[in-house]
Amino acid sequence: MTFPPSPPLPDESHARALLRSMILIRRFEEKCAELYTRQKIRGFLHLYIGEEAVAAGSLPVLEPRDSVVATYREHGQALARGVPATTIMAEMYGRKEGCARGRGGSMHIFDAETRFYGGNAIVAGGLPLAAGLALAAQMKGEDRVTACYFGDGAMAEGEFHESMNLAALWDLPLLFCCENNLYAMGTALAIAHAETDLALRATSYGMPAWAVDGMDVLAVEDATRRAVQSIRAGGGPHFLEFRTYRFRPHSMFDPELYRSREEVSEWKKRDPIPLLADRMRQAGMLDDDALAALESEVTAEVEEAVTFAEEGSWEPVEELTRFVHSETGGAP
C-alpha cells in the first residue's frame, strides 16, 4: 500500500524529542535482550524493536488524564507514556521497586500514576478493559480518551469484535490502535485473515478508520492527533491501523522459521530511527555530534535503569499474598 507523503518536519526540539524517544526504546530493549540471555530477566520477553515509531509518535499526543491499555509487547508504550525506565527495568527484574512491585514482569507493565493500565498477556485481553475505561469516563462526564494498543492477531478474537461493537454502539471515547506487524506470533496475516485491509474491516462498525505508515513517526503522530481531536470533540471511537514490522522474533524463544531473512532485511531499510534522523540531517537539525550526544544521554538513562534494578530488593515472603485476596473480607 502507498501512503500519503510524510508530514513536514516539526521544529527542531520536537523532532529531537521524537528521535530520542525512539532511540531510548531501541536501546532499552537491546539491553533487555542482553540481560535476558544473562538470566537477569526471566519469564517471557517480547521485543518492540522496529515498531518504535508507533509508541513514540502516538503516546505523546495523549494528555496525562487519558488512559492507555497495551499488549505484552508494551515496553515501548510504557517508556513513551512517561513511566520511568528505572521502575520498568526493576519490574522486569521482578523487584519490589518495579512499577507493579515486581508482580507483573515484562508482560504486565502497569503504572497507575501515568494511567498505564497494562500490559496484558492475553491476545485481545486489553480490548474489553479499554472499553470499560472509556465507558467509565463517559458515565462520569470526564474528558478522557482511552487508547488501546493491540496486534493484528487480536482482530481474529471475539473480544475484538465485541469491544468494537460496544464502542460504536455506545459512542465511547476510545481510540483503537492496531499495530499490524504482519505476523500473529508465527502466522502471516494473509493466512489468518480473509480481508487483510484491517482498517477497511474496522469501518464495518461504523467508525472512522484508516491505515497509517507505522514506520514513519511523523505520520503516526499526525494520524493520532487527528483521531484524538475528533474523539475529544465527540466524534466517537476511531480505529488506526499502524502498518509496522518487528525486526526481532516474536519472543526470545521463537526460532523464526515463518519468514525469510531477505524479508526482514528489506523492512530494515525503513527503520524508523534512521528515517527520521536522515530527514533531520537534510534539514540541518542534526549532525554527528548531536546524534552522539543523544545516544550518550540514552545510554546513561538505560545504565541508570539497570543499576536501579540490580540494587532493588525482593518482596518479603510474608507479603506474597498481599493484593491476592481482599483485605476487607468477603460478604457477611
C-alpha atoms as a PDB file:
ATOM      1  CA  MET A   1       0.000   0.000   0.000  1.00  0.00           C
ATOM      2  CA  THR A   2       1.185   3.503  -0.775  1.00  0.00           C
ATOM      3  CA  PHE A   3       0.767   6.196   1.852  1.00  0.00           C
ATOM      4  CA  PRO A   4       0.394   9.968   1.523  1.00  0.00           C
ATOM      5  CA  PRO A   5       3.642  11.970   1.692  1.00  0.00           C
ATOM      6  CA  SER A   6       5.148  12.200   5.141  1.00  0.00           C
ATOM      7  CA  PRO A   7       4.094  15.297   7.121  1.00  0.00           C
ATOM      8  CA  PRO A   8       6.547  18.198   7.304  1.00  0.00           C
ATOM      9  CA  LEU A   9       9.219  18.117   9.974  1.00  0.00           C
ATOM     10  CA  PRO A  10       8.201  19.869  13.209  1.00  0.00           C
ATOM     11  CA  ASP A  11      10.514  22.344  14.928  1.00  0.00           C
ATOM     12  CA  GLU A  12      13.956  21.097  15.920  1.00  0.00           C
ATOM     13  CA  SER A  13      13.234  20.494  19.617  1.00  0.00           C
ATOM     14  CA  HIS A  14      10.118  18.479  18.826  1.00  0.00           C
ATOM     15  CA  ALA A  15      11.844  16.418  16.147  1.00  0.00           C
ATOM     16  CA  ARG A  16      14.719  15.771  18.532  1.00  0.00           C
ATOM     17  CA  ALA A  17      12.271  14.583  21.220  1.00  0.00           C
ATOM     18  CA  LEU A  18      10.703  12.111  18.796  1.00  0.00           C
ATOM     19  CA  LEU A  19      14.104  10.803  17.745  1.00  0.00           C
ATOM     20  CA  ARG A  20      15.280  10.490  21.347  1.00  0.00           C
ATOM     21  CA  SER A  21      12.143   8.585  22.312  1.00  0.00           C
ATOM     22  CA  MET A  22      12.677   6.025  19.556  1.00  0.00           C
ATOM     23  CA  ILE A  23      16.364   5.633  20.385  1.00  0.00           C
ATOM     24  CA  LEU A  24      15.535   5.155  24.076  1.00  0.00           C
ATOM     25  CA  ILE A  25      13.033   2.414  23.278  1.00  0.00           C
ATOM     26  CA  ARG A  26      15.540   0.702  20.943  1.00  0.00           C
ATOM     27  CA  ARG A  27      18.471   0.828  23.365  1.00  0.00           C
ATOM     28  CA  PHE A  28      16.336  -0.152  26.360  1.00  0.00           C
ATOM     29  CA  GLU A  29      15.088  -3.235  24.537  1.00  0.00           C
ATOM     30  CA  GLU A  30      18.518  -4.172  23.247  1.00  0.00           C
ATOM     31  CA  LYS A  31      19.706  -4.073  26.842  1.00  0.00           C
ATOM     32  CA  CYS A  32      16.742  -6.211  27.893  1.00  0.00           C
ATOM     33  CA  ALA A  33      17.674  -8.832  25.303  1.00  0.00           C
ATOM     34  CA  GLU A  34      21.230  -8.866  26.663  1.00  0.00           C
ATOM     35  CA  LEU A  35      20.010  -9.160  30.265  1.00  0.00           C
ATOM     36  CA  TYR A  36      17.637 -11.941  29.297  1.00  0.00           C
ATOM     37  CA  THR A  37      20.466 -14.042  27.890  1.00  0.00           C
ATOM     38  CA  ARG A  38      22.298 -13.462  31.190  1.00  0.00           C
ATOM     39  CA  GLN A  39      19.175 -14.671  33.048  1.00  0.00           C
ATOM     40  CA  LYS A  40      18.769 -11.348  34.832  1.00  0.00           C
ATOM     41  CA  ILE A  41      15.296 -11.109  33.298  1.00  0.00           C
ATOM     42  CA  ARG A  42      13.194 -14.257  33.472  1.00  0.00           C
ATOM     43  CA  GLY A  43       9.952 -15.497  32.007  1.00  0.00           C
ATOM     44  CA  PHE A  44       8.843 -14.264  28.592  1.00  0.00           C
ATOM     45  CA  LEU A  45      10.232 -11.291  26.716  1.00  0.00           C
ATOM     46  CA  HIS A  46       8.641  -9.785  23.608  1.00  0.00           C
ATOM     47  CA  LEU A  47      10.663  -7.010  21.998  1.00  0.00           C
ATOM     48  CA  TYR A  48       9.352  -3.931  20.196  1.00  0.00           C
ATOM     49  CA  ILE A  49      12.431  -3.325  18.050  1.00  0.00           C
ATOM     50  CA  GLY A  50      11.347  -1.976  14.658  1.00  0.00           C
ATOM     51  CA  GLU A  51       7.986  -0.685  15.877  1.00  0.00           C
ATOM     52  CA  GLU A  52       9.278   2.300  17.882  1.00  0.00           C
ATOM     53  CA  ALA A  53       7.620   4.908  15.667  1.00  0.00           C
ATOM     54  CA  VAL A  54       4.153   3.808  16.794  1.00  0.00           C
ATOM     55  CA  ALA A  55       4.744   4.376  20.503  1.00  0.00           C
ATOM     56  CA  ALA A  56       6.970   7.444  20.094  1.00  0.00           C
ATOM     57  CA  GLY A  57       4.573   9.132  17.696  1.00  0.00           C
ATOM     58  CA  SER A  58       1.228   8.311  19.272  1.00  0.00           C
ATOM     59  CA  LEU A  59       1.617   8.305  23.061  1.00  0.00           C
ATOM     60  CA  PRO A  60       2.776  11.949  23.479  1.00  0.00           C
ATOM     61  CA  VAL A  61      -0.383  13.113  21.678  1.00  0.00           C
ATOM     62  CA  LEU A  62      -2.446  11.899  24.624  1.00  0.00           C
ATOM     63  CA  GLU A  63      -2.982  14.027  27.716  1.00  0.00           C
ATOM     64  CA  PRO A  64      -1.995  12.883  31.251  1.00  0.00           C
ATOM     65  CA  ARG A  65      -5.705  12.493  32.048  1.00  0.00           C
ATOM     66  CA  ASP A  66      -6.149   9.929  29.271  1.00  0.00           C
ATOM     67  CA  SER A  67      -5.830   6.168  29.763  1.00  0.00           C
ATOM     68  CA  VAL A  68      -3.642   3.624  27.960  1.00  0.00           C
ATOM     69  CA  VAL A  69      -4.110  -0.132  27.606  1.00  0.00           C
ATOM     70  CA  ALA A  70      -1.412  -2.197  25.868  1.00  0.00           C
ATOM     71  CA  THR A  71      -0.359  -5.721  24.994  1.00  0.00           C
ATOM     72  CA  TYR A  72       2.527  -7.869  26.235  1.00  0.00           C
ATOM     73  CA  ARG A  73       4.888  -6.069  23.786  1.00  0.00           C
ATOM     74  CA  GLU A  74       4.471  -2.895  25.804  1.00  0.00           C
ATOM     75  CA  HIS A  75       7.860  -1.649  26.997  1.00  0.00           C
ATOM     76  CA  GLY A  76       7.897   0.963  24.233  1.00  0.00           C
ATOM     77  CA  GLN A  77       4.456   2.274  25.097  1.00  0.00           C
ATOM     78  CA  ALA A  78       5.333   2.459  28.788  1.00  0.00           C
ATOM     79  CA  LEU A  79       8.508   4.440  28.104  1.00  0.00           C
ATOM     80  CA  ALA A  80       6.744   6.793  25.680  1.00  0.00           C
ATOM     81  CA  ARG A  81       3.938   7.269  28.194  1.00  0.00           C
ATOM     82  CA  GLY A  82       6.450   8.513  30.749  1.00  0.00           C
ATOM     83  CA  VAL A  83       6.823   5.511  33.033  1.00  0.00           C
ATOM     84  CA  PRO A  84      10.423   5.836  34.295  1.00  0.00           C
ATOM     85  CA  ALA A  85      12.946   3.468  32.738  1.00  0.00           C
ATOM     86  CA  THR A  86      14.179   2.699  36.259  1.00  0.00           C
ATOM     87  CA  THR A  87      10.880   1.312  37.515  1.00  0.00           C
ATOM     88  CA  ILE A  88      10.213  -0.525  34.244  1.00  0.00           C
ATOM     89  CA  MET A  89      13.574  -2.279  34.444  1.00  0.00           C
ATOM     90  CA  ALA A  90      13.049  -3.085  38.113  1.00  0.00           C
ATOM     91  CA  GLU A  91       9.711  -4.610  37.146  1.00  0.00           C
ATOM     92  CA  MET A  92      11.471  -6.723  34.514  1.00  0.00           C
ATOM     93  CA  TYR A  93      13.822  -7.939  37.235  1.00  0.00           C
ATOM     94  CA  GLY A  94      10.857  -8.766  39.480  1.00  0.00           C
ATOM     95  CA  ARG A  95      11.987  -6.310  42.143  1.00  0.00           C
ATOM     96  CA  LYS A  96       9.738  -4.583  44.664  1.00  0.00           C
ATOM     97  CA  GLU A  97      10.803  -1.189  43.313  1.00  0.00           C
ATOM     98  CA  GLY A  98       9.213  -2.023  39.972  1.00  0.00           C
ATOM     99  CA  CYS A  99       6.182  -0.090  38.759  1.00  0.00           C
ATOM    100  CA  ALA A 100       3.979  -3.075  39.725  1.00  0.00           C
ATOM    101  CA  ARG A 101       6.117  -4.144  42.706  1.00  0.00           C
ATOM    102  CA  GLY A 102       7.692  -6.862  40.577  1.00  0.00           C
ATOM    103  CA  ARG A 103       4.416  -8.761  40.318  1.00  0.00           C
ATOM    104  CA  GLY A 104       3.823  -8.163  36.631  1.00  0.00           C
ATOM    105  CA  GLY A 105       7.156  -8.538  34.920  1.00  0.00           C
ATOM    106  CA  SER A 106       7.755  -7.931  31.232  1.00  0.00           C
ATOM    107  CA  MET A 107       4.262  -8.834  30.047  1.00  0.00           C
ATOM    108  CA  HIS A 108       2.285  -6.866  32.649  1.00  0.00           C
ATOM    109  CA  ILE A 109       3.836  -3.408  32.977  1.00  0.00           C
ATOM    110  CA  PHE A 110       1.344  -1.309  34.965  1.00  0.00           C
ATOM    111  CA  ASP A 111       1.598   2.211  36.326  1.00  0.00           C
ATOM    112  CA  ALA A 112      -1.412   3.893  37.896  1.00  0.00           C
ATOM    113  CA  GLU A 113       0.312   7.294  38.140  1.00  0.00           C
ATOM    114  CA  THR A 114       0.516   7.607  34.357  1.00  0.00           C
ATOM    115  CA  ARG A 115      -2.796   5.782  33.840  1.00  0.00           C
ATOM    116  CA  PHE A 116      -0.952   2.991  32.050  1.00  0.00           C
ATOM    117  CA  TYR A 117      -3.250   0.013  32.625  1.00  0.00           C
ATOM    118  CA  GLY A 118      -1.126  -2.838  31.270  1.00  0.00           C
ATOM    119  CA  GLY A 119       0.480  -4.853  29.794  1.00  0.00           C
ATOM    120  CA  ASN A 120      -1.867  -7.787  29.089  1.00  0.00           C
ATOM    121  CA  ALA A 121      -0.584 -11.272  28.262  1.00  0.00           C
ATOM    122  CA  ILE A 122      -3.857 -12.409  26.669  1.00  0.00           C
ATOM    123  CA  VAL A 123      -4.259 -11.652  22.963  1.00  0.00           C
ATOM    124  CA  ALA A 124      -7.140  -9.112  22.722  1.00  0.00           C
ATOM    125  CA  GLY A 125      -7.487  -9.238  26.512  1.00  0.00           C
ATOM    126  CA  GLY A 126      -6.976  -5.494  26.866  1.00  0.00           C
ATOM    127  CA  LEU A 127      -9.789  -4.522  24.495  1.00  0.00           C
ATOM    128  CA  PRO A 128     -12.731  -5.093  26.883  1.00  0.00           C
ATOM    129  CA  LEU A 129     -10.757  -3.345  29.645  1.00  0.00           C
ATOM    130  CA  ALA A 130     -10.266  -0.335  27.401  1.00  0.00           C
ATOM    131  CA  ALA A 131     -13.962  -0.280  26.562  1.00  0.00           C
ATOM    132  CA  GLY A 132     -14.714  -0.331  30.279  1.00  0.00           C
ATOM    133  CA  LEU A 133     -12.347   2.558  30.986  1.00  0.00           C
ATOM    134  CA  ALA A 134     -13.890   4.586  28.157  1.00  0.00           C
ATOM    135  CA  LEU A 135     -17.403   3.789  29.379  1.00  0.00           C
ATOM    136  CA  ALA A 136     -16.477   4.848  32.929  1.00  0.00           C
ATOM    137  CA  ALA A 137     -15.131   8.175  31.644  1.00  0.00           C
ATOM    138  CA  GLN A 138     -18.281   8.719  29.614  1.00  0.00           C
ATOM    139  CA  MET A 139     -20.607   7.908  32.535  1.00  0.00           C
ATOM    140  CA  LYS A 140     -18.688  10.261  34.832  1.00  0.00           C
ATOM    141  CA  GLY A 141     -18.674  13.045  32.253  1.00  0.00           C
ATOM    142  CA  GLU A 142     -14.866  13.123  32.269  1.00  0.00           C
ATOM    143  CA  ASP A 143     -12.864  14.434  29.332  1.00  0.00           C
ATOM    144  CA  ARG A 144     -10.704  11.342  28.949  1.00  0.00           C
ATOM    145  CA  VAL A 145      -9.713   9.396  25.849  1.00  0.00           C
ATOM    146  CA  THR A 146      -8.689   5.761  26.209  1.00  0.00           C
ATOM    147  CA  ALA A 147      -6.103   4.446  23.754  1.00  0.00           C
ATOM    148  CA  CYS A 148      -5.941   0.685  23.322  1.00  0.00           C
ATOM    149  CA  TYR A 149      -2.966  -0.974  21.597  1.00  0.00           C
ATOM    150  CA  PHE A 150      -3.176  -4.475  20.139  1.00  0.00           C
ATOM    151  CA  GLY A 151      -1.706  -6.549  17.326  1.00  0.00           C
ATOM    152  CA  ASP A 152      -3.218  -7.795  14.091  1.00  0.00           C
ATOM    153  CA  GLY A 153      -3.726 -11.207  15.710  1.00  0.00           C
ATOM    154  CA  ALA A 154      -6.242  -9.689  18.126  1.00  0.00           C
ATOM    155  CA  MET A 155      -8.606  -8.966  15.247  1.00  0.00           C
ATOM    156  CA  ALA A 156      -9.276 -12.705  14.938  1.00  0.00           C
ATOM    157  CA  GLU A 157     -10.532 -12.849  18.528  1.00  0.00           C
ATOM    158  CA  GLY A 158     -14.111 -12.472  19.714  1.00  0.00           C
ATOM    159  CA  GLU A 159     -13.186  -9.804  22.255  1.00  0.00           C
ATOM    160  CA  PHE A 160     -12.115  -7.519  19.444  1.00  0.00           C
ATOM    161  CA  HIS A 161     -15.477  -7.646  17.708  1.00  0.00           C
ATOM    162  CA  GLU A 162     -17.425  -7.334  20.956  1.00  0.00           C
ATOM    163  CA  SER A 163     -15.386  -4.308  22.018  1.00  0.00           C
ATOM    164  CA  MET A 164     -15.643  -2.618  18.616  1.00  0.00           C
ATOM    165  CA  ASN A 165     -19.378  -3.161  18.546  1.00  0.00           C
ATOM    166  CA  LEU A 166     -19.979  -1.785  22.039  1.00  0.00           C
ATOM    167  CA  ALA A 167     -17.653   1.181  21.459  1.00  0.00           C
ATOM    168  CA  ALA A 168     -19.572   2.144  18.322  1.00  0.00           C
ATOM    169  CA  LEU A 169     -22.979   1.378  19.843  1.00  0.00           C
ATOM    170  CA  TRP A 170     -22.306   3.492  22.932  1.00  0.00           C
ATOM    171  CA  ASP A 171     -20.220   6.145  21.153  1.00  0.00           C
ATOM    172  CA  LEU A 172     -17.294   5.655  23.523  1.00  0.00           C
ATOM    173  CA  PRO A 173     -14.230   7.966  23.629  1.00  0.00           C
ATOM    174  CA  LEU A 174     -11.937   5.126  22.576  1.00  0.00           C
ATOM    175  CA  LEU A 175      -9.031   5.010  20.142  1.00  0.00           C
ATOM    176  CA  PHE A 176      -8.272   1.554  18.762  1.00  0.00           C
ATOM    177  CA  CYS A 177      -4.572   1.339  17.822  1.00  0.00           C
ATOM    178  CA  CYS A 178      -3.812  -1.770  15.792  1.00  0.00           C
ATOM    179  CA  GLU A 179      -0.083  -2.426  15.479  1.00  0.00           C
ATOM    180  CA  ASN A 180      -0.138  -4.556  12.342  1.00  0.00           C
ATOM    181  CA  ASN A 181       3.323  -6.127  12.107  1.00  0.00           C
ATOM    182  CA  LEU A 182       2.041  -8.747   9.622  1.00  0.00           C
ATOM    183  CA  TYR A 183       2.503 -11.730  11.930  1.00  0.00           C
ATOM    184  CA  ALA A 184       0.406 -13.056  14.802  1.00  0.00           C
ATOM    185  CA  MET A 185       3.229 -14.900  16.533  1.00  0.00           C
ATOM    186  CA  GLY A 186       4.290 -17.015  13.529  1.00  0.00           C
ATOM    187  CA  THR A 187       1.122 -16.806  11.444  1.00  0.00           C
ATOM    188  CA  ALA A 188       1.197 -14.446   8.469  1.00  0.00           C
ATOM    189  CA  LEU A 189      -1.701 -12.034   8.156  1.00  0.00           C
ATOM    190  CA  ALA A 190      -2.823 -13.393   4.778  1.00  0.00           C
ATOM    191  CA  ILE A 191      -3.083 -16.911   6.182  1.00  0.00           C
ATOM    192  CA  ALA A 192      -5.316 -15.937   9.100  1.00  0.00           C
ATOM    193  CA  HIS A 193      -7.475 -13.129   7.665  1.00  0.00           C
ATOM    194  CA  ALA A 194      -9.632 -13.281   4.539  1.00  0.00           C
ATOM    195  CA  GLU A 195      -9.572  -9.454   4.399  1.00  0.00           C
ATOM    196  CA  THR A 196      -6.089  -8.122   5.097  1.00  0.00           C
ATOM    197  CA  ASP A 197      -7.076  -4.443   4.934  1.00  0.00           C
ATOM    198  CA  LEU A 198      -7.711  -4.191   8.653  1.00  0.00           C
ATOM    199  CA  ALA A 199      -8.773  -0.543   8.602  1.00  0.00           C
ATOM    200  CA  LEU A 200     -11.375  -1.392   5.969  1.00  0.00           C
ATOM    201  CA  ARG A 201     -12.723  -4.154   8.189  1.00  0.00           C
ATOM    202  CA  ALA A 202     -12.974  -1.746  11.105  1.00  0.00           C
ATOM    203  CA  THR A 203     -15.207   0.616   9.125  1.00  0.00           C
ATOM    204  CA  SER A 204     -17.905  -2.074   9.168  1.00  0.00           C
ATOM    205  CA  TYR A 205     -18.585  -0.984  12.742  1.00  0.00           C
ATOM    206  CA  GLY A 206     -19.457   2.500  11.582  1.00  0.00           C
ATOM    207  CA  MET A 207     -16.423   4.301  12.953  1.00  0.00           C
ATOM    208  CA  PRO A 208     -13.711   6.338  11.198  1.00  0.00           C
ATOM    209  CA  ALA A 209     -10.733   4.117  10.402  1.00  0.00           C
ATOM    210  CA  TRP A 210      -7.645   4.461   8.257  1.00  0.00           C
ATOM    211  CA  ALA A 211      -4.220   2.902   7.702  1.00  0.00           C
ATOM    212  CA  VAL A 212      -1.046   4.730   8.698  1.00  0.00           C
ATOM    213  CA  ASP A 213       2.608   4.235   7.793  1.00  0.00           C
ATOM    214  CA  GLY A 214       3.743   2.829  11.120  1.00  0.00           C
ATOM    215  CA  MET A 215       7.419   3.193  10.216  1.00  0.00           C
ATOM    216  CA  ASP A 216       7.087   6.984   9.910  1.00  0.00           C
ATOM    217  CA  VAL A 217       6.894   8.610  13.342  1.00  0.00           C
ATOM    218  CA  LEU A 218       5.587  11.875  11.860  1.00  0.00           C
ATOM    219  CA  ALA A 219       2.752  10.092  10.059  1.00  0.00           C
ATOM    220  CA  VAL A 220       1.884   8.250  13.269  1.00  0.00           C
ATOM    221  CA  GLU A 221       1.824  11.473  15.257  1.00  0.00           C
ATOM    222  CA  ASP A 222      -0.304  13.288  12.677  1.00  0.00           C
ATOM    223  CA  ALA A 223      -2.876  10.486  12.404  1.00  0.00           C
ATOM    224  CA  THR A 224      -3.105  10.074  16.174  1.00  0.00           C
ATOM    225  CA  ARG A 225      -3.578  13.802  16.714  1.00  0.00           C
ATOM    226  CA  ARG A 226      -6.405  13.954  14.171  1.00  0.00           C
ATOM    227  CA  ALA A 227      -8.110  10.933  15.706  1.00  0.00           C
ATOM    228  CA  VAL A 228      -7.763  12.126  19.306  1.00  0.00           C
ATOM    229  CA  GLN A 229      -9.035  15.610  18.458  1.00  0.00           C
ATOM    230  CA  SER A 230     -12.078  14.101  16.783  1.00  0.00           C
ATOM    231  CA  ILE A 231     -12.790  11.755  19.680  1.00  0.00           C
ATOM    232  CA  ARG A 232     -12.431  14.543  22.235  1.00  0.00           C
ATOM    233  CA  ALA A 233     -14.817  16.686  20.209  1.00  0.00           C
ATOM    234  CA  GLY A 234     -17.485  13.989  20.494  1.00  0.00           C
ATOM    235  CA  GLY A 235     -16.712  12.082  17.305  1.00  0.00           C
ATOM    236  CA  GLY A 236     -16.938   8.680  18.965  1.00  0.00           C
ATOM    237  CA  PRO A 237     -14.461   5.817  18.646  1.00  0.00           C
ATOM    238  CA  HIS A 238     -11.774   5.756  15.948  1.00  0.00           C
ATOM    239  CA  PHE A 239      -9.546   2.993  14.585  1.00  0.00           C
ATOM    240  CA  LEU A 240      -5.966   3.403  13.364  1.00  0.00           C
ATOM    241  CA  GLU A 241      -4.084   0.607  11.626  1.00  0.00           C
ATOM    242  CA  PHE A 242      -0.376   1.263  12.105  1.00  0.00           C
ATOM    243  CA  ARG A 243       1.386  -0.804   9.443  1.00  0.00           C
ATOM    244  CA  THR A 244       4.697  -1.662  11.014  1.00  0.00           C
ATOM    245  CA  TYR A 245       7.165  -4.524  11.363  1.00  0.00           C
ATOM    246  CA  ARG A 246       9.141  -6.130  14.161  1.00  0.00           C
ATOM    247  CA  PHE A 247      12.775  -6.790  13.364  1.00  0.00           C
ATOM    248  CA  ARG A 248      13.244  -9.383  16.106  1.00  0.00           C
ATOM    249  CA  PRO A 249      11.471 -12.750  16.580  1.00  0.00           C
ATOM    250  CA  HIS A 250       8.064 -12.855  18.252  1.00  0.00           C
ATOM    251  CA  SER A 251       9.709 -13.706  21.573  1.00  0.00           C
ATOM    252  CA  MET A 252      13.097 -14.833  22.807  1.00  0.00           C
ATOM    253  CA  PHE A 253      12.029 -18.467  22.268  1.00  0.00           C
ATOM    254  CA  ASP A 254      10.904 -18.001  18.655  1.00  0.00           C
ATOM    255  CA  PRO A 255      13.015 -19.903  16.070  1.00  0.00           C
ATOM    256  CA  GLU A 256      11.564 -17.562  13.408  1.00  0.00           C
ATOM    257  CA  LEU A 257      11.017 -20.183  10.710  1.00  0.00           C
ATOM    258  CA  TYR A 258       7.995 -18.462   9.184  1.00  0.00           C
ATOM    259  CA  ARG A 259       9.732 -15.591   7.363  1.00  0.00           C
ATOM    260  CA  SER A 260      12.889 -15.136   5.361  1.00  0.00           C
ATOM    261  CA  ARG A 261      15.960 -13.137   6.259  1.00  0.00           C
ATOM    262  CA  GLU A 262      15.511 -11.289   2.984  1.00  0.00           C
ATOM    263  CA  GLU A 263      12.086 -10.065   4.073  1.00  0.00           C
ATOM    264  CA  VAL A 264      13.436  -8.789   7.381  1.00  0.00           C
ATOM    265  CA  SER A 265      16.367  -7.094   5.631  1.00  0.00           C
ATOM    266  CA  GLU A 266      14.006  -5.380   3.216  1.00  0.00           C
ATOM    267  CA  TRP A 267      11.900  -3.988   6.052  1.00  0.00           C
ATOM    268  CA  LYS A 268      15.010  -2.787   7.886  1.00  0.00           C
ATOM    269  CA  LYS A 269      15.556  -0.366   5.025  1.00  0.00           C
ATOM    270  CA  ARG A 270      12.586   1.510   6.504  1.00  0.00           C
ATOM    271  CA  ASP A 271      13.921   1.516  10.060  1.00  0.00           C
ATOM    272  CA  PRO A 272      12.028   4.419  11.697  1.00  0.00           C
ATOM    273  CA  ILE A 273      15.070   5.774  13.537  1.00  0.00           C
ATOM    274  CA  PRO A 274      17.357   6.487  10.554  1.00  0.00           C
ATOM    275  CA  LEU A 275      14.295   7.563   8.529  1.00  0.00           C
ATOM    276  CA  LEU A 276      13.739  10.477  10.898  1.00  0.00           C
ATOM    277  CA  ALA A 277      17.446  11.090  11.553  1.00  0.00           C
ATOM    278  CA  ASP A 278      18.165  11.385   7.823  1.00  0.00           C
ATOM    279  CA  ARG A 279      15.350  13.899   7.354  1.00  0.00           C
ATOM    280  CA  MET A 280      16.674  15.931  10.265  1.00  0.00           C
ATOM    281  CA  ARG A 281      20.174  15.889   8.794  1.00  0.00           C
ATOM    282  CA  GLN A 282      18.877  17.132   5.458  1.00  0.00           C
ATOM    283  CA  ALA A 283      17.052  19.953   7.248  1.00  0.00           C
ATOM    284  CA  GLY A 284      20.153  20.957   9.200  1.00  0.00           C
ATOM    285  CA  MET A 285      18.643  19.850  12.521  1.00  0.00           C
ATOM    286  CA  LEU A 286      21.087  17.037  13.256  1.00  0.00           C
ATOM    287  CA  ASP A 287      24.781  16.270  12.799  1.00  0.00           C
ATOM    288  CA  ASP A 288      27.088  13.526  14.039  1.00  0.00           C
ATOM    289  CA  ASP A 289      27.881  15.326  17.290  1.00  0.00           C
ATOM    290  CA  ALA A 290      24.227  15.925  18.110  1.00  0.00           C
ATOM    291  CA  LEU A 291      23.342  12.303  17.390  1.00  0.00           C
ATOM    292  CA  ALA A 292      26.248  11.088  19.508  1.00  0.00           C
ATOM    293  CA  ALA A 293      25.043  13.312  22.358  1.00  0.00           C
ATOM    294  CA  LEU A 294      21.555  11.801  22.121  1.00  0.00           C
ATOM    295  CA  GLU A 295      22.992   8.294  22.159  1.00  0.00           C
ATOM    296  CA  SER A 296      25.117   9.173  25.177  1.00  0.00           C
ATOM    297  CA  GLU A 297      22.101  10.528  27.078  1.00  0.00           C
ATOM    298  CA  VAL A 298      20.078   7.424  26.302  1.00  0.00           C
ATOM    299  CA  THR A 299      22.917   5.067  27.232  1.00  0.00           C
ATOM    300  CA  ALA A 300      23.249   6.786  30.608  1.00  0.00           C
ATOM    301  CA  GLU A 301      19.491   6.525  31.195  1.00  0.00           C
ATOM    302  CA  VAL A 302      19.457   2.816  30.362  1.00  0.00           C
ATOM    303  CA  GLU A 303      22.502   2.105  32.526  1.00  0.00           C
ATOM    304  CA  GLU A 304      20.882   4.002  35.402  1.00  0.00           C
ATOM    305  CA  ALA A 305      17.812   1.794  34.988  1.00  0.00           C
ATOM    306  CA  VAL A 306      19.922  -1.367  35.126  1.00  0.00           C
ATOM    307  CA  THR A 307      21.747  -0.161  38.243  1.00  0.00           C
ATOM    308  CA  PHE A 308      18.421   0.705  39.885  1.00  0.00           C
ATOM    309  CA  ALA A 309      17.061  -2.781  39.135  1.00  0.00           C
ATOM    310  CA  GLU A 310      20.251  -4.533  40.250  1.00  0.00           C
ATOM    311  CA  GLU A 311      20.157  -2.693  43.569  1.00  0.00           C
ATOM    312  CA  GLY A 312      16.458  -3.382  44.059  1.00  0.00           C
ATOM    313  CA  SER A 313      15.007  -5.647  46.712  1.00  0.00           C
ATOM    314  CA  TRP A 314      12.837  -8.718  46.637  1.00  0.00           C
ATOM    315  CA  GLU A 315       9.378  -8.501  48.122  1.00  0.00           C
ATOM    316  CA  PRO A 316       9.318 -10.085  51.599  1.00  0.00           C
ATOM    317  CA  VAL A 317       7.872 -13.587  51.683  1.00  0.00           C
ATOM    318  CA  GLU A 318       5.276 -12.505  54.230  1.00  0.00           C
ATOM    319  CA  GLU A 319       3.828 -10.070  51.672  1.00  0.00           C
ATOM    320  CA  LEU A 320       3.406 -12.561  48.841  1.00  0.00           C
ATOM    321  CA  THR A 321      -0.343 -12.914  49.457  1.00  0.00           C
ATOM    322  CA  ARG A 322      -0.834  -9.152  49.527  1.00  0.00           C
ATOM    323  CA  PHE A 323      -3.144  -7.958  46.707  1.00  0.00           C
ATOM    324  CA  VAL A 324      -4.242 -11.564  46.102  1.00  0.00           C
ATOM    325  CA  HIS A 325      -7.218 -11.501  48.461  1.00  0.00           C
ATOM    326  CA  SER A 326      -9.298  -8.528  49.518  1.00  0.00           C
ATOM    327  CA  GLU A 327      -8.243  -7.173  52.884  1.00  0.00           C
ATOM    328  CA  THR A 328     -11.825  -6.130  53.635  1.00  0.00           C
ATOM    329  CA  GLY A 329     -13.053  -9.722  53.716  1.00  0.00           C
ATOM    330  CA  GLY A 330     -15.994 -11.296  51.962  1.00  0.00           C
ATOM    331  CA  ALA A 331     -19.698 -10.655  52.253  1.00  0.00           C
ATOM    332  CA  PRO A 332     -21.216 -11.280  55.719  1.00  0.00           C
END
